């Protein structure tokens, strides 16, 4: 891999990732972006081999960004690099087209391992994600929802719920996810119904129990 784009809104994270990548791939040329608009702009100007993508940066906090990126550069490898819990988000992003999901709480040395795995095999899966795949293949949907009711949510419902538990209101979520307020309200109602909660504090508590956000 020759050209790598690091997309994260925290400069210290971009710097740390750059150091690891340079140690792992001596000849790699590293580029940086701090919001999703900048990612899109750079993708339209340069061909990249790998995109290290934070999923909680401005403009990039929904699962559909993976599809948008692949529409611009179908051959690019996308490694999600996030503080969000693997158990809720990893398989969703991998199924959307990412080649791996790496939790930021993991030791930085694992980033080197992930990059080498992608270079050699085209994909990276941590032991946690492998376990999730096995669970999904061997257990029924009802068994999975008993273990974690959050799996009942669709990808878009997860996007909305993620913002609601941060304390954002309908209008704020609407602007952030580029949805109409009525659509956000509909998603909110579906989320409450699927998870059997009646207010935001209950939703927050459910996410606290079943997701390590």
Protein backbone atom coordinates (compact mmCIF):
# COMPACT_ATOMS: atom_id res chain seq x y z
CA UNK A 1 0.00 0.00 0.00
CA UNK A 2 1.52 3.27 -1.13
CA UNK A 3 -1.05 5.98 -0.40
CA UNK A 4 -2.94 6.09 2.87
CA UNK A 5 -5.52 8.63 4.01
CA UNK A 6 -6.10 9.10 7.75
CA UNK A 7 -9.50 10.66 8.47
CA UNK A 8 -10.02 11.77 12.07
CA UNK A 9 -11.01 15.07 13.67
CA UNK A 10 -8.37 14.79 16.42
CA UNK A 11 -4.88 15.88 15.43
CA UNK A 12 -3.20 13.75 18.09
CA UNK A 13 -4.92 10.62 16.73
CA UNK A 14 -3.83 11.42 13.18
CA UNK A 15 -0.28 11.99 14.40
CA UNK A 16 -0.17 8.74 16.38
CA UNK A 17 -1.62 6.75 13.49
CA UNK A 18 0.87 8.35 11.08
CA UNK A 19 3.80 7.25 13.23
CA UNK A 20 2.54 3.65 13.39
CA UNK A 21 1.88 3.52 9.65
CA UNK A 22 5.34 4.91 8.83
CA UNK A 23 6.93 2.28 11.07
CA UNK A 24 4.85 -0.45 9.42
CA UNK A 25 5.07 0.65 5.79
CA UNK A 26 8.31 2.59 5.26
CA UNK A 27 7.43 3.80 1.77
CA UNK A 28 3.83 4.80 2.47
CA UNK A 29 2.73 8.31 1.54
CA UNK A 30 0.34 9.58 4.23
CA UNK A 31 -2.42 12.15 3.79
CA UNK A 32 -4.80 13.51 6.42
CA UNK A 33 -8.39 14.78 6.64
CA UNK A 34 -10.27 16.11 9.66
CA UNK A 35 -13.88 15.96 8.40
CA UNK A 36 -15.87 13.99 5.87
CA UNK A 37 -16.09 16.82 3.31
CA UNK A 38 -12.30 16.90 3.27
CA UNK A 39 -12.23 13.10 2.79
CA UNK A 40 -14.49 13.36 -0.25
CA UNK A 41 -12.43 16.24 -1.66
CA UNK A 42 -9.17 14.28 -1.35
CA UNK A 43 -10.71 11.09 -2.77
CA UNK A 44 -11.75 12.99 -5.88
CA UNK A 45 -8.21 14.31 -6.37
CA UNK A 46 -6.04 11.28 -5.46
CA UNK A 47 -6.26 7.49 -5.69
CA UNK A 48 -5.69 5.89 -2.26
CA UNK A 49 -4.94 2.30 -1.30
CA UNK A 50 -6.24 2.57 2.27
CA UNK A 51 -8.54 4.89 4.20
CA UNK A 52 -8.29 4.84 7.99
CA UNK A 53 -11.72 6.23 8.88
CA UNK A 54 -13.05 7.52 12.18
CA UNK A 55 -16.87 7.20 12.21
CA UNK A 56 -17.49 9.98 14.72
CA UNK A 57 -16.05 12.96 12.90
CA UNK A 58 -18.02 15.87 11.41
CA UNK A 59 -20.09 14.75 8.43
CA UNK A 60 -19.03 11.11 8.69
CA UNK A 61 -21.09 9.78 11.56
CA UNK A 62 -23.37 7.37 9.73
CA UNK A 63 -22.95 3.99 8.09
CA UNK A 64 -23.83 5.26 4.62
CA UNK A 65 -20.47 7.04 4.32
CA UNK A 66 -18.87 3.69 3.44
CA UNK A 67 -21.09 3.38 0.37
CA UNK A 68 -20.40 7.02 -0.59
CA UNK A 69 -16.65 6.45 -0.38
CA UNK A 70 -16.79 3.26 -2.46
CA UNK A 71 -18.83 5.05 -5.12
CA UNK A 72 -15.93 7.50 -5.54
CA UNK A 73 -13.15 4.90 -5.30
CA UNK A 74 -14.47 1.33 -5.57
CA UNK A 75 -11.03 -0.25 -5.04
CA UNK A 76 -10.10 1.60 -1.85
CA UNK A 77 -9.73 -0.42 1.37
CA UNK A 78 -11.60 1.15 4.30
CA UNK A 79 -10.46 0.35 7.83
CA UNK A 80 -12.84 1.76 10.44
CA UNK A 81 -10.90 3.21 13.38
CA UNK A 82 -13.36 4.09 16.11
CA UNK A 83 -14.01 4.33 19.84
CA UNK A 84 -17.49 2.88 19.30
CA UNK A 85 -18.11 -0.62 20.59
CA UNK A 86 -17.28 -3.44 18.16
CA UNK A 87 -20.21 -5.58 19.28
CA UNK A 88 -22.77 -3.09 17.94
CA UNK A 89 -20.98 -1.46 15.01
CA UNK A 90 -18.24 -3.71 13.56
CA UNK A 91 -20.34 -6.17 11.54
CA UNK A 92 -22.62 -3.38 10.30
CA UNK A 93 -19.69 -1.45 8.81
CA UNK A 94 -17.97 -4.55 7.43
CA UNK A 95 -21.22 -5.64 5.75
CA UNK A 96 -21.49 -2.12 4.31
CA UNK A 97 -18.12 -2.58 2.59
CA UNK A 98 -15.33 -1.81 5.08
CA UNK A 99 -12.48 -4.35 5.18
CA UNK A 100 -12.03 -4.14 8.94
CA UNK A 101 -13.00 -2.49 12.21
CA UNK A 102 -10.41 -1.48 14.81
CA UNK A 103 -11.35 -0.11 18.22
CA UNK A 104 -9.26 2.91 19.29
CA UNK A 105 -9.00 1.54 22.82
CA UNK A 106 -6.86 -1.29 21.42
CA UNK A 107 -3.09 -0.89 21.72
CA UNK A 108 -1.63 1.09 18.82
CA UNK A 109 0.45 -1.97 17.90
CA UNK A 110 -2.80 -3.59 16.74
CA UNK A 111 -3.09 -0.87 14.06
CA UNK A 112 0.17 -2.14 12.58
CA UNK A 113 -1.17 -5.71 12.66
CA UNK A 114 -4.43 -4.59 10.99
CA UNK A 115 -2.63 -2.77 8.18
CA UNK A 116 -0.38 -5.75 7.47
CA UNK A 117 -3.40 -8.09 7.49
CA UNK A 118 -5.19 -5.89 4.95
CA UNK A 119 -2.08 -5.71 2.78
CA UNK A 120 -1.62 -9.50 2.83
CA UNK A 121 -5.20 -10.81 2.91
CA UNK A 122 -7.39 -7.86 1.96
CA UNK A 123 -9.26 -7.91 5.30
CA UNK A 124 -8.71 -7.51 9.03
CA UNK A 125 -10.82 -9.08 11.76
CA UNK A 126 -10.00 -8.85 15.45
CA UNK A 127 -10.71 -11.89 17.63
CA UNK A 128 -13.78 -10.04 18.97
CA UNK A 129 -15.18 -9.51 15.48
CA UNK A 130 -14.48 -13.13 14.56
CA UNK A 131 -16.48 -14.17 17.62
CA UNK A 132 -19.34 -11.91 16.51
CA UNK A 133 -19.37 -13.56 13.08
CA UNK A 134 -19.50 -17.01 14.66
CA UNK A 135 -22.38 -15.88 16.90
CA UNK A 136 -24.26 -14.49 13.93
CA UNK A 137 -23.78 -17.69 11.92
CA UNK A 138 -24.64 -20.11 14.70
CA UNK A 139 -27.39 -18.35 16.63
CA UNK A 140 -30.91 -17.38 15.64
CA UNK A 141 -32.05 -13.75 15.55
CA UNK A 142 -34.13 -14.30 18.70
CA UNK A 143 -31.11 -15.72 20.54
CA UNK A 144 -28.99 -12.75 19.46
CA UNK A 145 -31.59 -10.21 20.59
CA UNK A 146 -31.73 -11.88 24.00
CA UNK A 147 -28.00 -11.36 24.31
CA UNK A 148 -28.16 -7.81 22.97
CA UNK A 149 -31.50 -6.14 22.13
CA UNK A 150 -29.66 -3.42 20.18
CA UNK A 151 -29.26 -5.85 17.25
CA UNK A 152 -32.98 -5.29 16.57
CA UNK A 153 -32.15 -1.83 15.21
CA UNK A 154 -31.53 -1.18 11.53
CA UNK A 155 -28.34 0.64 10.50
CA UNK A 156 -30.18 3.94 10.13
CA UNK A 157 -31.89 3.48 13.50
CA UNK A 158 -28.46 2.93 15.05
CA UNK A 159 -27.26 6.19 13.44
CA UNK A 160 -30.20 8.08 14.96
CA UNK A 161 -30.00 6.38 18.36
CA UNK A 162 -26.28 7.16 18.52
CA UNK A 163 -27.07 10.88 18.32
CA UNK A 164 -30.09 10.76 20.65
CA UNK A 165 -28.03 9.22 23.46
CA UNK A 166 -25.60 12.14 23.11
CA UNK A 167 -28.48 14.42 24.09
CA UNK A 168 -29.18 15.85 20.63
CA UNK A 169 -32.73 16.90 19.82
CA UNK A 170 -34.79 16.03 16.74
CA UNK A 171 -33.77 19.18 14.84
CA UNK A 172 -30.07 18.69 15.63
CA UNK A 173 -30.15 15.04 14.53
CA UNK A 174 -32.06 16.07 11.42
CA UNK A 175 -29.32 18.51 10.39
CA UNK A 176 -26.48 16.16 11.29
CA UNK A 177 -27.82 13.15 9.38
CA UNK A 178 -29.46 15.16 6.59
CA UNK A 179 -32.93 13.80 7.31
CA UNK A 180 -36.21 15.66 7.72
CA UNK A 181 -37.35 16.23 11.33
CA UNK A 182 -40.44 14.05 10.69
CA UNK A 183 -38.21 11.19 9.47
CA UNK A 184 -36.04 11.48 12.58
CA UNK A 185 -39.20 11.42 14.73
CA UNK A 186 -40.34 8.26 12.95
CA UNK A 187 -36.97 6.60 13.55
CA UNK A 188 -37.09 7.66 17.19
CA UNK A 189 -40.53 6.07 17.61
CA UNK A 190 -39.34 2.84 15.97
CA UNK A 191 -36.26 2.74 18.21
CA UNK A 192 -38.35 3.19 21.35
CA UNK A 193 -40.80 0.52 20.19
CA UNK A 194 -38.15 -2.05 19.20
CA UNK A 195 -36.21 -1.57 22.44
CA UNK A 196 -39.29 -1.23 24.65
CA UNK A 197 -38.16 2.10 26.16
CA UNK A 198 -40.29 5.17 26.74
CA UNK A 199 -37.74 7.99 27.11
CA UNK A 200 -34.15 9.04 26.38
CA UNK A 201 -32.76 8.17 29.87
CA UNK A 202 -34.00 4.59 29.40
CA UNK A 203 -32.42 4.51 25.93
CA UNK A 204 -29.13 5.78 27.34
CA UNK A 205 -29.20 3.12 30.06
CA UNK A 206 -29.86 0.37 27.51
CA UNK A 207 -26.90 1.51 25.42
CA UNK A 208 -24.76 1.74 28.57
CA UNK A 209 -25.53 -1.89 29.39
CA UNK A 210 -25.23 -3.34 25.90
CA UNK A 211 -22.68 -1.09 24.20
CA UNK A 212 -19.34 0.26 25.39
CA UNK A 213 -19.75 3.71 23.81
